[in-house]
N, C-alpha and C. Protein backbone atom coordinates (compact mmCIF):
# COMPACT_ATOMS: atom_id res chain seq x y z
N MET A 1 0.99 -1.13 0.01
CA MET A 1 0.01 -0.06 0.01
C MET A 1 1.00 1.24 0.03
N THR A 2 0.38 2.30 -0.60
CA THR A 2 1.08 3.49 -0.58
C THR A 2 0.62 4.42 0.66
N ALA A 3 1.55 5.39 1.03
CA ALA A 3 1.26 6.32 2.11
C ALA A 3 0.03 7.16 1.85
N ASP A 4 -0.26 7.26 0.48
CA ASP A 4 -1.57 7.98 0.19
C ASP A 4 -2.70 7.20 0.66
N HIS A 5 -2.75 5.91 0.45
CA HIS A 5 -3.92 5.02 0.81
C HIS A 5 -3.89 5.23 2.43
N VAL A 6 -2.93 5.16 3.07
CA VAL A 6 -2.84 5.17 4.61
C VAL A 6 -3.45 6.54 5.10
N PHE A 7 -2.81 7.62 4.49
CA PHE A 7 -3.51 8.89 4.93
C PHE A 7 -5.03 9.08 4.62
N THR A 8 -5.36 8.59 3.31
CA THR A 8 -6.80 8.69 3.15
C THR A 8 -7.63 7.87 4.13
N ALA A 9 -7.09 6.70 4.59
CA ALA A 9 -7.73 5.73 5.55
C ALA A 9 -7.79 6.65 6.87
N LEU A 10 -6.71 7.25 7.33
CA LEU A 10 -6.78 8.00 8.53
C LEU A 10 -7.45 9.19 8.49
N ALA A 11 -7.83 9.62 7.51
CA ALA A 11 -8.57 11.04 7.38
C ALA A 11 -9.97 10.95 8.12
N SER A 12 -10.60 9.81 8.22
CA SER A 12 -11.87 9.82 8.82
C SER A 12 -11.67 9.63 10.32
N PRO A 13 -12.47 10.27 11.05
CA PRO A 13 -12.49 10.07 12.69
C PRO A 13 -12.97 8.72 12.97
N ALA A 14 -14.09 8.14 12.25
CA ALA A 14 -14.67 6.91 12.44
C ALA A 14 -13.66 5.83 12.23
N ARG A 15 -12.72 5.91 11.22
CA ARG A 15 -11.61 4.98 10.85
C ARG A 15 -10.63 4.98 12.04
N ARG A 16 -10.31 6.27 12.39
CA ARG A 16 -9.37 6.35 13.54
C ARG A 16 -9.82 5.65 14.70
N GLU A 17 -11.05 5.86 15.09
CA GLU A 17 -11.67 5.22 16.14
C GLU A 17 -11.68 3.69 16.09
N LEU A 18 -11.94 3.23 14.85
CA LEU A 18 -11.90 1.70 14.58
C LEU A 18 -10.51 1.17 14.99
N LEU A 19 -9.55 1.96 14.54
CA LEU A 19 -8.13 1.54 14.80
C LEU A 19 -7.87 1.56 16.24
N ARG A 20 -8.29 2.60 16.98
CA ARG A 20 -8.05 2.67 18.47
C ARG A 20 -8.74 1.57 19.11
N LEU A 21 -9.89 1.15 18.69
CA LEU A 21 -10.65 0.13 19.33
C LEU A 21 -9.85 -1.31 19.21
N LEU A 22 -9.36 -1.52 17.92
CA LEU A 22 -8.61 -2.74 17.64
C LEU A 22 -7.20 -2.67 18.40
N ARG A 23 -6.58 -1.55 18.57
CA ARG A 23 -5.35 -1.57 19.19
C ARG A 23 -5.72 -1.75 20.68
N GLU A 24 -6.55 -1.26 21.20
CA GLU A 24 -6.74 -1.27 22.67
C GLU A 24 -7.46 -2.54 23.09
N GLU A 25 -8.37 -3.05 22.25
CA GLU A 25 -9.08 -4.20 22.80
C GLU A 25 -8.82 -5.53 21.94
N GLY A 26 -8.01 -5.48 20.94
CA GLY A 26 -7.66 -6.61 20.19
C GLY A 26 -8.80 -6.94 19.19
N ALA A 27 -8.57 -8.08 18.33
CA ALA A 27 -9.47 -8.50 17.19
C ALA A 27 -10.81 -8.63 17.59
N GLN A 28 -11.76 -8.31 16.88
CA GLN A 28 -13.01 -8.19 17.07
C GLN A 28 -13.90 -8.52 15.73
N PRO A 29 -15.16 -9.04 16.02
CA PRO A 29 -15.96 -9.23 14.89
C PRO A 29 -16.63 -7.90 14.35
N ALA A 30 -16.96 -7.77 13.17
CA ALA A 30 -17.43 -6.54 12.59
C ALA A 30 -18.66 -6.13 13.30
N GLY A 31 -19.54 -7.09 13.77
CA GLY A 31 -20.59 -6.60 14.56
C GLY A 31 -20.43 -6.05 15.80
N ARG A 32 -19.58 -6.63 16.56
CA ARG A 32 -19.18 -5.95 17.87
C ARG A 32 -18.58 -4.45 17.62
N LEU A 33 -17.84 -4.36 16.68
CA LEU A 33 -17.33 -3.04 16.21
C LEU A 33 -18.46 -1.94 15.89
N ALA A 34 -19.28 -2.48 14.99
CA ALA A 34 -20.41 -1.66 14.60
C ALA A 34 -21.40 -1.20 15.69
N GLU A 35 -21.50 -2.01 16.89
CA GLU A 35 -22.38 -1.65 18.04
C GLU A 35 -21.75 -0.40 18.57
N ARG A 36 -20.52 -0.17 18.56
CA ARG A 36 -19.83 1.07 19.03
C ARG A 36 -20.13 2.36 18.43
N PHE A 37 -20.70 2.33 17.38
CA PHE A 37 -20.78 3.55 16.47
C PHE A 37 -22.44 3.98 16.16
N ASP A 38 -22.66 5.19 16.14
CA ASP A 38 -23.94 5.64 15.72
C ASP A 38 -24.15 5.85 14.12
N MET A 39 -24.00 4.64 13.56
CA MET A 39 -24.21 4.63 12.05
C MET A 39 -24.55 3.19 11.85
N SER A 40 -25.07 2.87 10.51
CA SER A 40 -25.52 1.65 10.16
C SER A 40 -24.25 0.76 10.10
N ARG A 41 -24.43 -0.52 10.25
CA ARG A 41 -23.57 -1.61 10.20
C ARG A 41 -23.01 -1.54 8.81
N PRO A 42 -23.68 -1.40 7.71
CA PRO A 42 -23.01 -1.41 6.37
C PRO A 42 -22.05 -0.08 6.21
N SER A 43 -22.32 1.02 6.84
CA SER A 43 -21.39 2.11 6.98
C SER A 43 -20.15 1.74 7.56
N VAL A 44 -20.15 1.00 8.84
CA VAL A 44 -19.11 0.63 9.48
C VAL A 44 -18.24 -0.45 8.54
N SER A 45 -18.99 -1.18 7.95
CA SER A 45 -18.37 -2.26 7.09
C SER A 45 -17.52 -1.44 5.93
N GLU A 46 -18.16 -0.40 5.35
CA GLU A 46 -17.39 0.47 4.51
C GLU A 46 -15.98 0.94 4.89
N HIS A 47 -16.17 1.41 6.27
CA HIS A 47 -14.96 2.03 6.86
C HIS A 47 -13.89 0.92 7.12
N LEU A 48 -14.43 -0.22 7.39
CA LEU A 48 -13.38 -1.45 7.56
C LEU A 48 -12.74 -1.77 6.38
N LYS A 49 -13.61 -1.72 5.36
CA LYS A 49 -12.94 -2.07 3.89
C LYS A 49 -11.87 -1.04 3.47
N VAL A 50 -12.14 0.24 3.73
CA VAL A 50 -11.13 1.17 3.42
C VAL A 50 -9.79 0.93 4.15
N LEU A 51 -10.06 0.63 5.56
CA LEU A 51 -8.93 0.24 6.41
C LEU A 51 -8.12 -1.01 5.85
N LYS A 52 -8.84 -1.95 5.42
CA LYS A 52 -8.37 -3.23 4.93
C LYS A 52 -7.61 -2.90 3.73
N ASP A 53 -8.07 -2.18 2.75
CA ASP A 53 -7.54 -1.78 1.44
C ASP A 53 -6.29 -0.95 1.66
N ALA A 54 -6.17 -0.25 2.77
CA ALA A 54 -5.03 0.42 3.12
C ALA A 54 -3.90 -0.43 3.88
N GLY A 55 -4.36 -1.70 4.11
CA GLY A 55 -3.45 -2.56 4.79
C GLY A 55 -3.34 -2.33 6.43
N LEU A 56 -4.30 -1.59 6.88
CA LEU A 56 -4.31 -1.20 8.32
C LEU A 56 -5.07 -2.27 9.16
N VAL A 57 -5.77 -3.03 8.55
CA VAL A 57 -6.58 -4.11 9.28
C VAL A 57 -6.48 -5.44 8.39
N ALA A 58 -6.63 -6.56 9.20
CA ALA A 58 -6.79 -7.87 8.33
C ALA A 58 -8.05 -8.36 8.79
N GLU A 59 -8.49 -9.06 7.83
CA GLU A 59 -9.87 -9.81 8.10
C GLU A 59 -9.89 -11.31 7.88
N THR A 60 -10.36 -11.93 8.90
CA THR A 60 -10.46 -13.46 8.95
C THR A 60 -12.06 -13.84 9.17
N ARG A 61 -12.33 -14.93 8.60
CA ARG A 61 -13.75 -15.33 8.69
C ARG A 61 -13.79 -16.51 9.64
N HIS A 62 -14.80 -16.30 10.56
CA HIS A 62 -15.10 -17.37 11.55
C HIS A 62 -16.60 -17.83 11.27
N GLY A 63 -16.89 -18.71 10.53
CA GLY A 63 -18.17 -19.00 10.24
C GLY A 63 -18.75 -17.97 9.47
N ARG A 64 -19.86 -17.38 9.78
CA ARG A 64 -20.49 -16.16 9.14
C ARG A 64 -20.01 -14.95 9.50
N GLU A 65 -19.04 -14.80 10.65
CA GLU A 65 -18.45 -13.48 11.21
C GLU A 65 -17.32 -13.23 10.47
N ARG A 66 -17.13 -12.06 10.26
CA ARG A 66 -15.73 -11.51 9.79
C ARG A 66 -15.01 -10.82 11.03
N HIS A 67 -13.89 -11.31 11.34
CA HIS A 67 -13.19 -10.70 12.54
C HIS A 67 -11.80 -9.85 11.95
N TYR A 68 -11.80 -8.56 12.70
CA TYR A 68 -10.71 -7.67 12.11
C TYR A 68 -9.67 -7.50 13.22
N ARG A 69 -8.57 -7.39 12.83
CA ARG A 69 -7.46 -7.18 13.75
C ARG A 69 -6.50 -6.10 13.18
N LEU A 70 -5.88 -5.37 13.91
CA LEU A 70 -4.98 -4.21 13.66
C LEU A 70 -3.72 -4.78 12.94
N GLU A 71 -3.28 -4.17 11.91
CA GLU A 71 -2.03 -4.28 11.14
C GLU A 71 -1.24 -2.97 11.21
N ALA A 72 -0.40 -2.81 12.11
CA ALA A 72 0.05 -1.51 12.28
C ALA A 72 1.25 -1.19 11.39
N ALA A 73 1.85 -2.00 10.57
CA ALA A 73 2.99 -1.89 9.83
C ALA A 73 2.91 -0.64 8.86
N PRO A 74 1.86 -0.60 8.21
CA PRO A 74 1.72 0.53 7.27
C PRO A 74 1.98 1.94 7.99
N LEU A 75 1.70 1.95 9.30
CA LEU A 75 1.97 3.28 9.98
C LEU A 75 3.32 3.48 10.22
N LEU A 76 4.25 2.66 10.04
CA LEU A 76 5.70 2.86 10.12
C LEU A 76 6.20 3.72 8.97
N GLU A 77 5.70 3.63 7.86
CA GLU A 77 6.13 4.32 6.78
C GLU A 77 5.45 5.94 6.99
N ILE A 78 4.50 6.02 7.54
CA ILE A 78 3.86 7.36 8.00
C ILE A 78 4.81 7.96 9.05
N ARG A 79 5.22 7.07 9.95
CA ARG A 79 6.02 7.64 11.01
C ARG A 79 7.29 8.17 10.54
N ASP A 80 8.02 7.38 9.59
CA ASP A 80 9.24 7.69 9.01
C ASP A 80 9.06 8.96 8.25
N TRP A 81 7.92 9.09 7.42
CA TRP A 81 7.56 10.41 6.70
C TRP A 81 7.40 11.63 7.69
N LEU A 82 6.82 11.46 8.92
CA LEU A 82 6.66 12.50 9.91
C LEU A 82 7.75 12.80 10.60
N THR A 83 8.76 12.03 10.83
CA THR A 83 9.88 12.22 11.80
C THR A 83 10.60 13.55 11.53
N PRO A 84 10.94 13.90 10.22
CA PRO A 84 11.58 15.16 9.90
C PRO A 84 10.81 16.38 10.45
N TYR A 85 9.52 16.26 10.30
CA TYR A 85 8.64 17.47 10.67
C TYR A 85 8.45 17.63 12.18
N GLU A 86 8.48 16.39 12.91
CA GLU A 86 8.66 16.54 14.40
C GLU A 86 9.88 17.17 14.89
N ARG A 87 11.08 16.74 14.25
CA ARG A 87 12.24 17.54 14.54
C ARG A 87 12.07 19.14 14.18
N PHE A 88 11.54 19.32 13.08
CA PHE A 88 11.28 20.77 12.73
C PHE A 88 10.54 21.45 13.74
N TRP A 89 9.49 20.93 14.11
CA TRP A 89 8.64 21.65 15.18
C TRP A 89 9.30 21.67 16.53
N ARG A 90 9.99 20.68 16.90
CA ARG A 90 10.87 20.69 18.09
C ARG A 90 11.78 21.91 18.13
N GLU A 91 12.43 22.08 17.09
CA GLU A 91 13.48 23.09 17.04
C GLU A 91 12.69 24.56 16.97
N LYS A 92 11.57 24.50 16.32
CA LYS A 92 10.78 25.87 16.36
C LYS A 92 10.37 26.20 17.82
N LEU A 93 9.94 25.14 18.38
CA LEU A 93 9.34 25.36 19.79
C LEU A 93 10.49 25.77 20.78
N ALA A 94 11.60 25.14 20.46
CA ALA A 94 12.86 25.38 21.30
C ALA A 94 13.36 26.85 21.08
N ASP A 95 13.23 27.38 19.91
CA ASP A 95 13.53 28.82 19.51
C ASP A 95 12.37 29.60 20.22
N LEU A 96 11.22 29.39 20.16
CA LEU A 96 10.31 30.20 20.66
C LEU A 96 10.44 30.22 22.34
N ASP A 97 10.87 29.01 22.75
CA ASP A 97 11.11 29.02 24.36
C ASP A 97 12.19 30.02 24.56
N SER A 98 13.37 29.97 23.80
CA SER A 98 14.43 30.83 23.98
C SER A 98 14.05 32.31 23.90
N LEU A 99 13.20 32.54 22.93
CA LEU A 99 12.86 34.01 22.71
C LEU A 99 11.96 34.46 23.83
N LEU A 100 11.04 33.67 24.36
CA LEU A 100 10.24 34.01 25.56
C LEU A 100 11.12 34.15 26.86
N ASP A 101 12.19 33.37 26.91
CA ASP A 101 12.99 33.45 28.08
C ASP A 101 13.84 34.76 27.94
N SER A 102 14.19 35.23 26.91
CA SER A 102 14.88 36.31 26.74
C SER A 102 14.00 37.57 26.79
N LEU A 103 12.85 37.35 26.63
CA LEU A 103 11.80 38.67 26.93
C LEU A 103 11.55 38.94 28.28
N ASP A 104 11.69 37.89 29.17
CA ASP A 104 11.37 37.84 30.47
C ASP A 104 12.57 38.69 31.22
N ASP A 105 13.62 38.73 30.51
CA ASP A 105 14.71 39.52 31.11
C ASP A 105 14.66 40.98 31.09
């Protein structure tokens, strides 16, 4: 998957919440996940499909149920992309802190 797919998947608050639930509570059937949202089950299934297409969740079938689990590996590419920006903002905030300290004098 490309970083664009991952960013697109992460753009939705509902999808970020699905990822949080899977991270904190482990693999779950789609129905249990859908119960946590104020939207139709087919809408939750669409969100899960976007996450699956981005490689952020994996799906397994257990009888008639589909179970989903978090696949965090695609997030590593995003982390690697964001790291230089984190350093940039840390430097800018340190410069601001120095400026504010000098104004106190």
